[in-house]
Amino acid sequence: MKPVAGPENWYDFAIRAMNTPVGFAGENRAMIKTPYLLFLGDAPDQLSGKVAQGIKDWRPDHAVGQYRMEGCKADLGLTDMSLVEAREAGARTLVIGVANRGGFISPEWKKVLVMALEEGFDLASGLHNLLRDEPDLVAVAEACGRELHDVRVPEVDYPIANGVKRRGKRCLPVGTDCSVGKMYTALAMDRSMKAKGMKATFRATGQTGILITGDGVPLDAVIADFMAGSIEWLTPDNDEDHWDLIEGQGSLFHISYSGVTMALVHGGQPDALILCHEPVRQHMRGLPGYDLPTLEALRDTALPLARVGNPDCQVVGISINTAAMGEEEALAYLAGVEARLGLPAVDPFRQGADRLADALAAL
């Protein structure tokens, strides 16, 4: 979700809560140097820049500026910089902040990436199209003494899921569509729960979450048979009163990406689900012929599936992305949803996630 309004200390708290150095737990992975220049390329819309938006929102201290090519329709509200200007401002890594359909590096982008390496930047990417698989980028990086970081590469031999119940508690946001605010919901809940003295850990499952927190499972790059097992691995036994807040992915209703959601639902064995929705969507992302389901349909589909792995799972709250709404319209919409479904309904980035945290505390 794009920030609209909220507590004065929102970003400050997010930075304190996400205080793990940006890097990776795998011993073979080098740390990504900060701060970043966020590359938006020729993103066709704001949503396509969601990786960069997430870093800017949750790690603003790492975001020096943005680089946009001609025709770019995304804007983070950061200073537009050339490569030279960004280096002079201290940026050390160019992060590909665009999540395009299919996750590929276009020839137009590659020209900029080569120039960035020559200018002294390392490159970091969470795309399916790996930097290390591009011979020209590898050659230039080696010649310039620069590093290529591919976030979307599993570096653990994950097990096959066994469905054994683990100690501790787990919460999973599930969405009516992709990119409706599942990651922001989990991060906001982590923020709120820590402020309340609750035990909580945000568990990243995608490239943006990994770039923000420094660790996690790149779930959609895990071989299908091992996806649910990777989430069991990510959310191990813990204290009985500890909550793992699992970053949601995809949607059970999205023809393209439902498989990754199913792995989270079963591998996560969640005790609680948060329903996530963006009301202004005209159709499923990338699927013009498919309408979004209702929140009731999401509830009635996700909960029985979650109860396969955890019969005690409950839907405890609703997260609504109201970024495209005015204040009064947003409040009225939230009130209507809450009355209709009988659950706390909030925009956690706009209002904070205290009520969702309280719902978990009540379980």
Protein backbone atom coordinates (compact mmCIF):
# COMPACT_ATOMS: atom_id res chain seq x y z
CA MET A 1 0.00 0.00 0.00
CA LYS A 2 1.17 3.47 -0.73
CA PRO A 3 1.40 5.63 2.43
CA VAL A 4 -1.42 8.11 2.85
CA ALA A 5 -1.52 9.16 6.45
CA GLY A 6 -0.72 7.71 9.81
CA PRO A 7 1.15 8.06 13.08
CA GLU A 8 4.05 10.51 13.07
CA ASN A 9 6.48 7.80 14.15
CA TRP A 10 5.41 5.17 11.59
CA TYR A 11 8.63 5.09 9.58
CA ASP A 12 10.84 5.50 12.65
CA PHE A 13 9.23 2.53 14.31
CA ALA A 14 9.42 0.46 11.14
CA ILE A 15 13.15 1.09 10.95
CA ARG A 16 13.66 0.15 14.59
CA ALA A 17 11.52 -2.96 14.24
CA MET A 18 13.28 -4.08 11.07
CA ASN A 19 16.78 -3.63 12.49
CA THR A 20 18.34 -6.69 10.92
CA PRO A 21 21.12 -5.59 8.53
CA VAL A 22 20.06 -5.89 4.93
CA GLY A 23 21.88 -9.00 3.74
CA PHE A 24 21.20 -12.70 3.89
CA ALA A 25 21.49 -15.50 6.37
CA GLY A 26 23.05 -17.89 3.89
CA GLU A 27 26.77 -18.04 4.52
CA ASN A 28 27.54 -17.93 0.81
CA ARG A 29 25.64 -14.70 0.23
CA ALA A 30 27.48 -11.42 0.39
CA MET A 31 25.85 -8.50 2.14
CA ILE A 32 24.11 -6.01 -0.13
CA LYS A 33 25.76 -2.64 0.25
CA THR A 34 23.52 0.27 1.24
CA PRO A 35 22.17 2.83 0.55
CA TYR A 36 20.28 2.12 -2.66
CA LEU A 37 19.34 3.83 -5.88
CA LEU A 38 15.91 2.36 -6.68
CA PHE A 39 15.53 1.50 -10.36
CA LEU A 40 11.99 1.83 -11.72
CA GLY A 41 12.90 1.38 -15.37
CA ASP A 42 9.94 1.90 -17.68
CA ALA A 43 7.34 0.64 -15.19
CA PRO A 44 3.89 1.01 -16.81
CA ASP A 45 2.08 1.85 -13.55
CA GLN A 46 2.59 2.47 -9.85
CA LEU A 47 1.84 -1.11 -8.90
CA SER A 48 4.67 -2.41 -11.08
CA GLY A 49 7.14 -0.60 -8.81
CA LYS A 50 5.96 -2.38 -5.67
CA VAL A 51 9.42 -3.74 -4.79
CA ALA A 52 10.91 -0.25 -4.77
CA GLN A 53 7.83 1.12 -2.99
CA GLY A 54 8.20 -1.44 -0.22
CA ILE A 55 11.86 -0.57 0.32
CA LYS A 56 11.10 3.14 0.30
CA ASP A 57 8.24 2.74 2.78
CA TRP A 58 9.99 0.39 5.22
CA ARG A 59 13.67 1.24 4.74
CA PRO A 60 13.57 4.94 3.83
CA ASP A 61 17.07 5.41 5.25
CA HIS A 62 18.36 3.10 2.50
CA ALA A 63 16.61 4.90 -0.39
CA VAL A 64 18.82 7.68 -1.79
CA GLY A 65 16.73 8.31 -4.88
CA GLN A 66 14.99 6.78 -7.87
CA TYR A 67 16.06 6.16 -11.47
CA ARG A 68 13.28 6.31 -14.06
CA MET A 69 13.58 5.69 -17.78
CA GLU A 70 11.55 7.45 -20.44
CA GLY A 71 7.89 6.44 -20.25
CA CYS A 72 8.03 5.32 -16.61
CA LYS A 73 4.64 5.76 -14.97
CA ALA A 74 5.71 4.86 -11.42
CA ASP A 75 6.90 7.50 -8.96
CA LEU A 76 8.06 6.88 -5.38
CA GLY A 77 8.19 10.58 -4.56
CA LEU A 78 11.99 10.33 -4.25
CA THR A 79 14.47 12.53 -6.06
CA ASP A 80 15.05 11.50 -9.67
CA MET A 81 18.79 10.98 -10.05
CA SER A 82 21.24 10.10 -12.76
CA LEU A 83 23.75 7.38 -12.01
CA VAL A 84 26.46 9.97 -11.42
CA GLU A 85 24.27 12.02 -9.07
CA ALA A 86 23.30 8.93 -7.10
CA ARG A 87 26.91 7.84 -6.66
CA GLU A 88 27.81 11.32 -5.48
CA ALA A 89 24.92 11.09 -3.00
CA GLY A 90 26.39 7.89 -1.59
CA ALA A 91 24.31 5.15 -3.27
CA ARG A 92 26.23 1.90 -3.55
CA THR A 93 23.74 -0.57 -5.03
CA LEU A 94 21.24 -0.18 -7.85
CA VAL A 95 18.19 -2.23 -6.83
CA ILE A 96 15.80 -3.33 -9.55
CA GLY A 97 12.58 -2.23 -7.91
CA VAL A 98 10.21 -3.33 -10.66
CA ALA A 99 8.15 -6.51 -10.40
CA ASN A 100 7.01 -6.98 -13.99
CA ARG A 101 4.87 -9.88 -15.17
CA GLY A 102 7.23 -12.81 -15.71
CA GLY A 103 10.13 -11.15 -13.88
CA PHE A 104 12.48 -10.52 -16.80
CA ILE A 105 15.28 -8.08 -17.60
CA SER A 106 14.45 -6.18 -20.78
CA PRO A 107 17.13 -5.11 -23.29
CA GLU A 108 16.31 -1.46 -22.51
CA TRP A 109 16.99 -2.02 -18.82
CA LYS A 110 20.23 -3.84 -19.55
CA LYS A 111 21.80 -0.75 -21.08
CA VAL A 112 21.28 1.11 -17.81
CA LEU A 113 22.45 -1.84 -15.72
CA VAL A 114 25.72 -2.03 -17.65
CA MET A 115 26.27 1.70 -17.19
CA ALA A 116 25.55 1.33 -13.48
CA LEU A 117 28.21 -1.36 -13.11
CA GLU A 118 30.68 0.82 -14.98
CA GLU A 119 29.78 3.75 -12.73
CA GLY A 120 30.65 1.70 -9.62
CA PHE A 121 27.29 0.29 -8.51
CA ASP A 122 26.61 -3.26 -7.41
CA LEU A 123 23.30 -4.65 -8.72
CA ALA A 124 20.54 -6.36 -6.73
CA SER A 125 17.43 -7.98 -8.18
CA GLY A 126 14.52 -10.15 -7.11
CA LEU A 127 13.43 -11.03 -10.63
CA HIS A 128 13.04 -14.59 -11.92
CA ASN A 129 15.42 -13.58 -14.73
CA LEU A 130 18.67 -13.80 -12.75
CA LEU A 131 21.48 -11.31 -13.06
CA ARG A 132 23.99 -14.15 -12.86
CA ASP A 133 22.46 -15.75 -15.96
CA GLU A 134 23.19 -12.71 -18.12
CA PRO A 135 26.71 -13.22 -19.57
CA ASP A 136 27.19 -9.57 -20.50
CA LEU A 137 26.29 -8.37 -17.00
CA VAL A 138 28.54 -11.00 -15.43
CA ALA A 139 31.43 -9.97 -17.69
CA VAL A 140 31.05 -6.27 -16.92
CA ALA A 141 30.68 -6.94 -13.19
CA GLU A 142 33.86 -9.00 -13.16
CA ALA A 143 35.74 -6.40 -15.17
CA CYS A 144 34.61 -3.58 -12.87
CA GLY A 145 34.97 -5.51 -9.62
CA ARG A 146 31.25 -5.21 -8.84
CA GLU A 147 28.82 -7.70 -7.27
CA LEU A 148 25.55 -9.14 -8.57
CA HIS A 149 22.93 -10.08 -5.96
CA ASP A 150 20.02 -12.33 -6.94
CA VAL A 151 17.52 -12.38 -4.08
CA ARG A 152 15.19 -14.89 -5.71
CA VAL A 153 17.52 -17.86 -5.43
CA PRO A 154 16.85 -20.58 -2.83
CA GLU A 155 20.07 -21.52 -1.07
CA VAL A 156 18.64 -24.08 1.36
CA ASP A 157 17.70 -27.70 0.68
CA TYR A 158 14.15 -27.38 1.95
CA PRO A 159 12.31 -30.46 3.18
CA ILE A 160 8.99 -31.79 1.94
CA ALA A 161 6.23 -30.67 4.30
CA ASN A 162 5.22 -33.20 6.92
CA GLY A 163 2.26 -31.39 8.49
CA VAL A 164 3.51 -31.94 12.05
CA LYS A 165 2.10 -29.26 14.37
CA ARG A 166 4.77 -26.84 15.60
CA ARG A 167 4.88 -24.93 18.88
CA GLY A 168 4.15 -21.22 18.79
CA LYS A 169 1.54 -19.34 16.78
CA ARG A 170 1.36 -18.18 13.19
CA CYS A 171 -0.66 -15.58 11.31
CA LEU A 172 -1.04 -15.41 7.53
CA PRO A 173 -2.55 -12.55 5.50
CA VAL A 174 -4.46 -13.86 2.47
CA GLY A 175 -5.72 -11.65 -0.35
CA THR A 176 -8.47 -11.31 -2.89
CA ASP A 177 -5.71 -10.54 -5.41
CA CYS A 178 -1.96 -10.08 -5.76
CA SER A 179 -0.40 -6.83 -4.50
CA VAL A 180 -3.26 -5.77 -2.24
CA GLY A 181 -1.14 -5.21 0.88
CA LYS A 182 -0.42 -8.63 2.43
CA MET A 183 3.24 -7.82 3.13
CA TYR A 184 2.42 -4.37 4.49
CA THR A 185 -0.21 -5.94 6.75
CA ALA A 186 2.28 -8.39 8.25
CA LEU A 187 4.94 -5.69 8.68
CA ALA A 188 2.46 -3.33 10.30
CA MET A 189 1.26 -6.04 12.67
CA ASP A 190 4.86 -6.84 13.58
CA ARG A 191 5.38 -3.16 14.38
CA SER A 192 2.27 -2.97 16.52
CA MET A 193 2.84 -6.22 18.36
CA LYS A 194 6.39 -5.33 19.30
CA ALA A 195 5.19 -1.95 20.57
CA LYS A 196 2.71 -3.81 22.78
CA GLY A 197 5.42 -6.09 24.15
CA MET A 198 4.16 -9.15 22.26
CA LYS A 199 6.57 -11.70 20.82
CA ALA A 200 6.46 -11.46 17.03
CA THR A 201 8.65 -12.06 13.98
CA PHE A 202 7.97 -11.01 10.40
CA ARG A 203 8.80 -13.92 8.08
CA ALA A 204 9.63 -12.80 4.54
CA THR A 205 8.57 -15.03 1.65
CA GLY A 206 9.25 -12.77 -1.35
CA GLN A 207 11.92 -10.55 -2.83
CA THR A 208 10.65 -7.29 -1.34
CA GLY A 209 10.35 -8.70 2.15
CA ILE A 210 13.83 -10.20 1.90
CA LEU A 211 15.30 -6.89 0.72
CA ILE A 212 13.60 -5.12 3.64
CA THR A 213 14.48 -7.54 6.44
CA GLY A 214 17.56 -9.31 5.12
CA ASP A 215 16.35 -12.90 5.30
CA GLY A 216 13.55 -15.22 4.28
CA VAL A 217 12.42 -17.78 1.69
CA PRO A 218 12.03 -16.76 -1.99
CA LEU A 219 8.95 -18.94 -2.15
CA ASP A 220 7.96 -18.61 -5.79
CA ALA A 221 11.43 -19.79 -6.82
CA VAL A 222 11.26 -22.97 -4.69
CA ILE A 223 10.54 -26.24 -6.52
CA ALA A 224 6.82 -26.96 -6.16
CA ASP A 225 7.12 -30.14 -4.08
CA PHE A 226 9.18 -28.27 -1.49
CA MET A 227 7.25 -24.99 -1.22
CA ALA A 228 5.09 -25.98 1.76
CA GLY A 229 8.14 -27.54 3.43
CA SER A 230 10.09 -24.32 3.03
CA ILE A 231 7.41 -22.49 5.02
CA GLU A 232 7.53 -25.13 7.74
CA TRP A 233 11.31 -24.55 7.80
CA LEU A 234 10.81 -20.76 7.93
CA THR A 235 8.39 -20.94 10.87
CA PRO A 236 9.89 -23.51 13.27
CA ASP A 237 8.99 -24.37 16.85
CA ASN A 238 8.90 -21.32 19.07
CA ASP A 239 7.61 -20.07 22.42
CA GLU A 240 3.93 -20.82 22.89
CA ASP A 241 3.11 -17.08 22.99
CA HIS A 242 5.28 -16.13 19.99
CA TRP A 243 3.65 -15.14 16.70
CA ASP A 244 5.24 -15.64 13.29
CA LEU A 245 3.73 -13.11 10.87
CA ILE A 246 4.09 -14.80 7.50
CA GLU A 247 4.32 -12.59 4.42
CA GLY A 248 1.45 -13.52 2.11
CA GLN A 249 1.86 -14.16 -1.62
CA GLY A 250 -0.48 -14.34 -4.60
CA SER A 251 -4.14 -15.22 -4.11
CA LEU A 252 -6.12 -18.43 -4.02
CA PHE A 253 -8.32 -16.83 -6.68
CA HIS A 254 -5.50 -15.80 -9.04
CA ILE A 255 -5.15 -18.24 -11.92
CA SER A 256 -1.44 -17.46 -12.33
CA TYR A 257 -0.22 -17.50 -8.72
CA SER A 258 -2.61 -19.55 -6.60
CA GLY A 259 -0.06 -22.32 -6.10
CA VAL A 260 2.28 -20.21 -4.02
CA THR A 261 -0.64 -19.13 -1.80
CA MET A 262 -1.64 -22.75 -1.25
CA ALA A 263 1.88 -23.56 -0.07
CA LEU A 264 1.64 -20.79 2.53
CA VAL A 265 -1.78 -21.91 3.72
CA HIS A 266 -0.71 -25.51 4.27
CA GLY A 267 2.98 -25.06 5.12
CA GLY A 268 2.27 -22.17 7.47
CA GLN A 269 -0.43 -24.04 9.42
CA PRO A 270 -1.74 -20.62 10.49
CA ASP A 271 -3.65 -20.13 13.71
CA ALA A 272 -5.08 -16.88 12.33
CA LEU A 273 -5.89 -15.46 8.90
CA ILE A 274 -6.17 -11.78 7.97
CA LEU A 275 -8.28 -11.07 4.88
CA CYS A 276 -6.69 -8.44 2.58
CA HIS A 277 -8.44 -6.47 -0.16
CA GLU A 278 -8.12 -3.37 -2.34
CA PRO A 279 -11.62 -2.08 -3.17
CA VAL A 280 -10.80 0.00 -6.26
CA ARG A 281 -9.45 -2.86 -8.37
CA GLN A 282 -11.29 -3.32 -11.66
CA HIS A 283 -10.03 -6.88 -12.22
CA MET A 284 -7.42 -9.36 -10.99
CA ARG A 285 -3.90 -8.09 -11.58
CA GLY A 286 -2.81 -9.08 -15.08
CA LEU A 287 -6.09 -10.93 -15.75
CA PRO A 288 -8.61 -8.52 -17.30
CA GLY A 289 -11.19 -11.28 -17.70
CA TYR A 290 -11.34 -12.10 -13.99
CA ASP A 291 -13.16 -10.08 -11.32
CA LEU A 292 -11.97 -9.97 -7.72
CA PRO A 293 -13.84 -12.23 -5.30
CA THR A 294 -15.71 -10.81 -2.34
CA LEU A 295 -14.21 -10.86 1.12
CA GLU A 296 -16.87 -13.40 2.06
CA ALA A 297 -15.75 -15.69 -0.77
CA LEU A 298 -12.14 -15.32 0.35
CA ARG A 299 -13.09 -16.17 3.93
CA ASP A 300 -15.17 -19.17 2.90
CA THR A 301 -12.42 -20.53 0.64
CA ALA A 302 -9.27 -19.83 2.67
CA LEU A 303 -10.51 -20.93 6.07
CA PRO A 304 -11.49 -24.53 5.19
CA LEU A 305 -8.17 -24.95 3.36
CA ALA A 306 -6.25 -23.60 6.36
CA ARG A 307 -8.13 -25.96 8.67
CA VAL A 308 -6.74 -28.93 6.74
CA GLY A 309 -3.40 -28.22 8.43
CA ASN A 310 -4.71 -26.52 11.57
CA PRO A 311 -8.33 -27.31 12.55
CA ASP A 312 -8.28 -24.45 15.08
CA CYS A 313 -7.47 -21.69 12.53
CA GLN A 314 -9.70 -18.61 12.67
CA VAL A 315 -10.23 -15.50 10.55
CA VAL A 316 -9.58 -12.68 13.02
CA GLY A 317 -9.46 -9.43 11.02
CA ILE A 318 -9.58 -7.60 7.72
CA SER A 319 -6.94 -5.38 6.11
CA ILE A 320 -8.17 -2.93 3.48
CA ASN A 321 -5.81 -1.04 1.18
CA THR A 322 -7.48 2.40 1.05
CA ALA A 323 -4.54 4.23 -0.55
CA ALA A 324 -6.69 5.35 -3.49
CA MET A 325 -9.49 6.68 -1.25
CA GLY A 326 -9.96 9.95 0.58
CA GLU A 327 -10.15 9.94 4.37
CA GLU A 328 -13.94 10.04 4.71
CA GLU A 329 -14.50 7.52 1.95
CA ALA A 330 -11.95 5.16 3.49
CA LEU A 331 -13.47 5.37 6.96
CA ALA A 332 -16.96 4.77 5.61
CA TYR A 333 -15.80 1.76 3.59
CA LEU A 334 -14.00 0.26 6.59
CA ALA A 335 -17.06 0.73 8.80
CA GLY A 336 -19.25 -1.00 6.23
CA VAL A 337 -16.91 -3.99 5.91
CA GLU A 338 -16.65 -4.32 9.69
CA ALA A 339 -20.43 -4.27 10.11
CA ARG A 340 -20.89 -6.77 7.31
CA LEU A 341 -18.33 -9.35 8.42
CA GLY A 342 -18.27 -8.73 12.17
CA LEU A 343 -14.47 -8.45 12.34
CA PRO A 344 -12.09 -5.52 12.93
CA ALA A 345 -11.42 -3.85 9.57
CA VAL A 346 -8.52 -1.40 9.25
CA ASP A 347 -6.02 0.00 6.81
CA PRO A 348 -2.92 -0.96 8.83
CA PHE A 349 -0.58 1.37 6.96
CA ARG A 350 -2.94 4.31 7.22
CA GLN A 351 -4.26 3.74 10.74
CA GLY A 352 -1.83 1.33 12.36
CA ALA A 353 -2.46 -2.34 13.10
CA ASP A 354 -3.24 -2.20 16.83
CA ARG A 355 -6.72 -3.68 16.42
CA LEU A 356 -5.35 -6.60 14.39
CA ALA A 357 -2.66 -7.15 17.02
CA ASP A 358 -5.34 -7.11 19.71
CA ALA A 359 -7.29 -9.74 17.78
CA LEU A 360 -4.26 -12.04 17.87
CA ALA A 361 -3.72 -11.34 21.57
CA ALA A 362 -7.28 -12.44 22.23
CA LEU A 363 -6.75 -15.93 20.76
